[in-house]
Each structure stands twice: as C-alpha cells, then as structure tokens.
Amino acid sequence: MRRVRPGAASRGALTSVAAGDAYEAPKDLPRLWHVTLSVAGPQVPLQDLRRALEQLAHDHPFLLTSRYAGDHAEIRYWEEARDLHDAAAVALRLWGEHRQSAGLPPWEIVGLEVIDRETYHQRIAAGYGPAPATPVGVHPF
C-alpha cells in the first residue's frame, strides 16, 4: 500500500489504528462480475448436453444456472476479477477449457455479456435481466 500524507483519511483513505498512518486503498482489488455466456452449434442429444452442463457446473463451482436446447445453451455465473477485461477473458476460455473434461459439444461462443454487480442489481430492480426466481442449476429453455 502507498503511504499518504496525514489527514488524507478524511478523503477516502484508510487509517491504520495501530500506527495512526493513513493509507490509500488499492485500486485493483477484485470485483464481482455477472457473466452470461451463449454458445451454439450442431444439434446434440439433450441428455448428453444436460450431463455435460452438470459436469461443467461441478468443475466450475460459481456457475449459477445453465439453460439449454439441442443446438444452443446459455450459462450464467459470477466471476471475481480485477476488471471487465479479466472477467471477459476467463469467460471466453471457459467453454474451450472445459470441453474435454465436461464432455461439452464442439460449439462456438455466440454471445458474451459481462456486467458489474451494481449494474446487475440495477437491472433486476428495474425489472430487466433474468428473473430473480430463475432456479439455480441446469434447465431446458
């Protein structure tokens, strides 16, 4: 942490109780990002797809919900990352990195949305976005 001049604590810096010194909070702390990843491709058996998405949920414990049909799926989850770029980079690798271990179909990513926690909650409060009652887990569309 970077040391700042005395009195800076009143302008948003943190104060160490033990030493009485003021410090600025780090600017690159991880934040929560809500990710919606959409994938699509050739038709696959629904039972196989469901099993693969359930395995993905097991492998990636922050997975909130997956919805699927025989030729597309949508995955929603929370990602902790320093910024949007980091959260998006992880999301763009998710399907490919877990394709083999989870038995996911060779589909391509056709959509990605990454929004911060505040924006997510604003959308929910305004009646937009996924319904809060959407059950956690793997479900057909």
C-alpha atoms as a PDB file:
ATOM      1  CA  MET A   1       0.000   0.000   0.000  1.00  0.00           C
ATOM      2  CA  ARG A   2       1.118   3.529  -0.680  1.00  0.00           C
ATOM      3  CA  ARG A   3       1.589   5.898   2.262  1.00  0.00           C
ATOM      4  CA  VAL A   4      -0.149   9.286   2.021  1.00  0.00           C
ATOM      5  CA  ARG A   5       0.123  12.463   3.994  1.00  0.00           C
ATOM      6  CA  PRO A   6      -1.641  12.788   7.379  1.00  0.00           C
ATOM      7  CA  GLY A   7      -5.245  13.965   7.138  1.00  0.00           C
ATOM      8  CA  ALA A   8      -5.871  12.085   3.920  1.00  0.00           C
ATOM      9  CA  ALA A   9      -8.031   9.573   5.811  1.00  0.00           C
ATOM     10  CA  SER A  10     -10.913  12.040   5.751  1.00  0.00           C
ATOM     11  CA  ARG A  11     -10.831  11.977   1.939  1.00  0.00           C
ATOM     12  CA  GLY A  12     -11.464   8.241   1.486  1.00  0.00           C
ATOM     13  CA  ALA A  13      -8.176   6.710   2.608  1.00  0.00           C
ATOM     14  CA  LEU A  14      -7.971   4.049   5.313  1.00  0.00           C
ATOM     15  CA  THR A  15      -6.314   4.704   8.654  1.00  0.00           C
ATOM     16  CA  SER A  16      -4.207   2.155  10.488  1.00  0.00           C
ATOM     17  CA  VAL A  17      -5.379   2.095  14.098  1.00  0.00           C
ATOM     18  CA  ALA A  18      -2.083   0.674  15.320  1.00  0.00           C
ATOM     19  CA  ALA A  19       0.246   3.173  13.670  1.00  0.00           C
ATOM     20  CA  GLY A  20      -2.032   6.133  13.026  1.00  0.00           C
ATOM     21  CA  ASP A  21      -0.791   6.348   9.441  1.00  0.00           C
ATOM     22  CA  ALA A  22      -3.192   6.833   6.556  1.00  0.00           C
ATOM     23  CA  TYR A  23      -3.090   4.571   3.511  1.00  0.00           C
ATOM     24  CA  GLU A  24      -4.938   4.600   0.228  1.00  0.00           C
ATOM     25  CA  ALA A  25      -6.983   1.532  -0.615  1.00  0.00           C
ATOM     26  CA  PRO A  26      -5.581  -0.440  -3.575  1.00  0.00           C
ATOM     27  CA  LYS A  27      -7.353   0.436  -6.808  1.00  0.00           C
ATOM     28  CA  ASP A  28      -7.097  -3.033  -8.367  1.00  0.00           C
ATOM     29  CA  LEU A  29      -8.984  -5.173  -5.849  1.00  0.00           C
ATOM     30  CA  PRO A  30     -11.078  -7.932  -7.414  1.00  0.00           C
ATOM     31  CA  ARG A  31     -14.755  -7.196  -8.067  1.00  0.00           C
ATOM     32  CA  LEU A  32     -17.728  -9.391  -8.871  1.00  0.00           C
ATOM     33  CA  TRP A  33     -18.912  -9.540 -12.480  1.00  0.00           C
ATOM     34  CA  HIS A  34     -22.080 -11.213 -13.739  1.00  0.00           C
ATOM     35  CA  VAL A  35     -21.308 -13.228 -16.862  1.00  0.00           C
ATOM     36  CA  THR A  36     -23.740 -14.568 -19.442  1.00  0.00           C
ATOM     37  CA  LEU A  37     -22.093 -16.831 -22.000  1.00  0.00           C
ATOM     38  CA  SER A  38     -24.089 -18.037 -25.018  1.00  0.00           C
ATOM     39  CA  VAL A  39     -22.919 -20.962 -27.142  1.00  0.00           C
ATOM     40  CA  ALA A  40     -24.424 -22.679 -30.191  1.00  0.00           C
ATOM     41  CA  GLY A  41     -23.713 -25.360 -32.737  1.00  0.00           C
ATOM     42  CA  PRO A  42     -25.000 -28.541 -34.351  1.00  0.00           C
ATOM     43  CA  GLN A  43     -27.831 -30.421 -32.664  1.00  0.00           C
ATOM     44  CA  VAL A  44     -26.757 -32.830 -29.881  1.00  0.00           C
ATOM     45  CA  PRO A  45     -28.789 -35.246 -27.743  1.00  0.00           C
ATOM     46  CA  LEU A  46     -30.382 -33.347 -24.844  1.00  0.00           C
ATOM     47  CA  GLN A  47     -29.448 -35.986 -22.269  1.00  0.00           C
ATOM     48  CA  ASP A  48     -25.756 -35.769 -23.240  1.00  0.00           C
ATOM     49  CA  LEU A  49     -25.833 -31.974 -23.177  1.00  0.00           C
ATOM     50  CA  ARG A  50     -27.506 -31.876 -19.758  1.00  0.00           C
ATOM     51  CA  ARG A  51     -24.919 -34.299 -18.365  1.00  0.00           C
ATOM     52  CA  ALA A  52     -22.093 -32.155 -19.799  1.00  0.00           C
ATOM     53  CA  LEU A  53     -23.536 -28.933 -18.350  1.00  0.00           C
ATOM     54  CA  GLU A  54     -23.964 -30.591 -14.962  1.00  0.00           C
ATOM     55  CA  GLN A  55     -20.308 -31.647 -15.098  1.00  0.00           C
ATOM     56  CA  LEU A  56     -19.321 -28.089 -16.043  1.00  0.00           C
ATOM     57  CA  ALA A  57     -21.267 -26.830 -13.011  1.00  0.00           C
ATOM     58  CA  HIS A  58     -19.348 -29.309 -10.862  1.00  0.00           C
ATOM     59  CA  ASP A  59     -15.998 -28.254 -12.373  1.00  0.00           C
ATOM     60  CA  HIS A  60     -16.795 -24.525 -12.168  1.00  0.00           C
ATOM     61  CA  PRO A  61     -18.473 -24.103  -8.764  1.00  0.00           C
ATOM     62  CA  PHE A  62     -19.545 -20.475  -9.300  1.00  0.00           C
ATOM     63  CA  LEU A  63     -21.875 -21.494 -12.118  1.00  0.00           C
ATOM     64  CA  LEU A  64     -25.347 -20.217 -11.232  1.00  0.00           C
ATOM     65  CA  THR A  65     -27.569 -21.511 -13.959  1.00  0.00           C
ATOM     66  CA  SER A  66     -27.459 -23.093 -17.379  1.00  0.00           C
ATOM     67  CA  ARG A  67     -30.299 -23.208 -19.855  1.00  0.00           C
ATOM     68  CA  TYR A  68     -30.095 -25.397 -22.906  1.00  0.00           C
ATOM     69  CA  ALA A  69     -31.729 -26.698 -26.054  1.00  0.00           C
ATOM     70  CA  GLY A  70     -30.334 -29.203 -28.527  1.00  0.00           C
ATOM     71  CA  ASP A  71     -28.426 -26.583 -30.507  1.00  0.00           C
ATOM     72  CA  HIS A  72     -27.625 -23.803 -28.020  1.00  0.00           C
ATOM     73  CA  ALA A  73     -27.044 -23.050 -24.351  1.00  0.00           C
ATOM     74  CA  GLU A  74     -26.693 -20.088 -22.027  1.00  0.00           C
ATOM     75  CA  ILE A  75     -24.539 -20.111 -18.919  1.00  0.00           C
ATOM     76  CA  ARG A  76     -24.763 -17.504 -16.159  1.00  0.00           C
ATOM     77  CA  TYR A  77     -22.358 -17.142 -13.283  1.00  0.00           C
ATOM     78  CA  TRP A  78     -20.433 -14.703 -11.094  1.00  0.00           C
ATOM     79  CA  GLU A  79     -16.739 -14.173 -11.753  1.00  0.00           C
ATOM     80  CA  GLU A  80     -14.319 -12.437  -9.418  1.00  0.00           C
ATOM     81  CA  ALA A  81     -11.814 -10.396 -11.412  1.00  0.00           C
ATOM     82  CA  ARG A  82      -9.849  -7.160 -11.249  1.00  0.00           C
ATOM     83  CA  ASP A  83     -11.661  -5.618 -14.212  1.00  0.00           C
ATOM     84  CA  LEU A  84     -14.034  -6.354 -17.074  1.00  0.00           C
ATOM     85  CA  HIS A  85     -11.203  -7.398 -19.386  1.00  0.00           C
ATOM     86  CA  ASP A  86     -10.061 -10.105 -16.971  1.00  0.00           C
ATOM     87  CA  ALA A  87     -13.619 -11.368 -16.385  1.00  0.00           C
ATOM     88  CA  ALA A  88     -14.299 -11.486 -20.137  1.00  0.00           C
ATOM     89  CA  ALA A  89     -11.019 -13.298 -20.832  1.00  0.00           C
ATOM     90  CA  VAL A  90     -11.905 -16.016 -18.318  1.00  0.00           C
ATOM     91  CA  ALA A  91     -15.420 -16.308 -19.789  1.00  0.00           C
ATOM     92  CA  LEU A  92     -14.108 -16.643 -23.334  1.00  0.00           C
ATOM     93  CA  ARG A  93     -11.875 -19.546 -22.270  1.00  0.00           C
ATOM     94  CA  LEU A  94     -14.487 -21.335 -20.127  1.00  0.00           C
ATOM     95  CA  TRP A  95     -16.190 -23.428 -22.820  1.00  0.00           C
ATOM     96  CA  GLY A  96     -12.994 -24.477 -24.579  1.00  0.00           C
ATOM     97  CA  GLU A  97     -11.043 -25.269 -21.424  1.00  0.00           C
ATOM     98  CA  HIS A  98     -13.814 -27.491 -20.051  1.00  0.00           C
ATOM     99  CA  ARG A  99     -14.909 -29.021 -23.365  1.00  0.00           C
ATOM    100  CA  GLN A 100     -12.885 -32.211 -22.899  1.00  0.00           C
ATOM    101  CA  SER A 101     -13.264 -32.714 -19.129  1.00  0.00           C
ATOM    102  CA  ALA A 102     -17.013 -31.997 -19.061  1.00  0.00           C
ATOM    103  CA  GLY A 103     -17.812 -33.586 -22.432  1.00  0.00           C
ATOM    104  CA  LEU A 104     -19.213 -30.342 -23.863  1.00  0.00           C
ATOM    105  CA  PRO A 105     -20.168 -30.253 -27.560  1.00  0.00           C
ATOM    106  CA  PRO A 106     -17.801 -28.527 -30.006  1.00  0.00           C
ATOM    107  CA  TRP A 107     -19.930 -25.393 -30.153  1.00  0.00           C
ATOM    108  CA  GLU A 108     -18.770 -21.844 -30.641  1.00  0.00           C
ATOM    109  CA  ILE A 109     -19.341 -18.870 -28.380  1.00  0.00           C
ATOM    110  CA  VAL A 110     -22.004 -16.702 -29.997  1.00  0.00           C
ATOM    111  CA  GLY A 111     -22.570 -14.165 -27.237  1.00  0.00           C
ATOM    112  CA  LEU A 112     -20.976 -12.740 -24.118  1.00  0.00           C
ATOM    113  CA  GLU A 113     -22.215 -10.188 -21.625  1.00  0.00           C
ATOM    114  CA  VAL A 114     -20.158  -9.115 -18.623  1.00  0.00           C
ATOM    115  CA  ILE A 115     -21.615  -6.529 -16.252  1.00  0.00           C
ATOM    116  CA  ASP A 116     -20.565  -5.354 -12.827  1.00  0.00           C
ATOM    117  CA  ARG A 117     -22.537  -6.223  -9.704  1.00  0.00           C
ATOM    118  CA  GLU A 118     -24.072  -2.755  -9.392  1.00  0.00           C
ATOM    119  CA  THR A 119     -25.376  -2.808 -12.976  1.00  0.00           C
ATOM    120  CA  TYR A 120     -26.781  -6.305 -12.458  1.00  0.00           C
ATOM    121  CA  HIS A 121     -28.700  -5.217  -9.363  1.00  0.00           C
ATOM    122  CA  GLN A 122     -29.929  -2.030 -11.090  1.00  0.00           C
ATOM    123  CA  ARG A 123     -31.335  -4.135 -13.924  1.00  0.00           C
ATOM    124  CA  ILE A 124     -33.061  -6.518 -11.535  1.00  0.00           C
ATOM    125  CA  ALA A 125     -34.556  -3.587  -9.573  1.00  0.00           C
ATOM    126  CA  ALA A 126     -35.804  -2.033 -12.823  1.00  0.00           C
ATOM    127  CA  GLY A 127     -37.402  -5.306 -13.924  1.00  0.00           C
ATOM    128  CA  TYR A 128     -34.834  -6.140 -16.615  1.00  0.00           C
ATOM    129  CA  GLY A 129     -32.483  -9.057 -16.868  1.00  0.00           C
ATOM    130  CA  PRO A 130     -33.040 -12.580 -15.613  1.00  0.00           C
ATOM    131  CA  ALA A 131     -35.880 -13.053 -13.192  1.00  0.00           C
ATOM    132  CA  PRO A 132     -34.576 -13.470  -9.639  1.00  0.00           C
ATOM    133  CA  ALA A 133     -36.730 -16.598  -9.385  1.00  0.00           C
ATOM    134  CA  THR A 134     -34.712 -18.345 -12.116  1.00  0.00           C
ATOM    135  CA  PRO A 135     -33.709 -21.566 -10.392  1.00  0.00           C
ATOM    136  CA  VAL A 136     -30.063 -22.325  -9.880  1.00  0.00           C
ATOM    137  CA  GLY A 137     -28.913 -25.380 -11.795  1.00  0.00           C
ATOM    138  CA  VAL A 138     -29.183 -26.850 -15.280  1.00  0.00           C
ATOM    139  CA  HIS A 139     -32.579 -26.451 -17.010  1.00  0.00           C
ATOM    140  CA  PRO A 140     -34.050 -26.692 -20.506  1.00  0.00           C
ATOM    141  CA  PHE A 141     -35.138 -23.436 -22.207  1.00  0.00           C
END
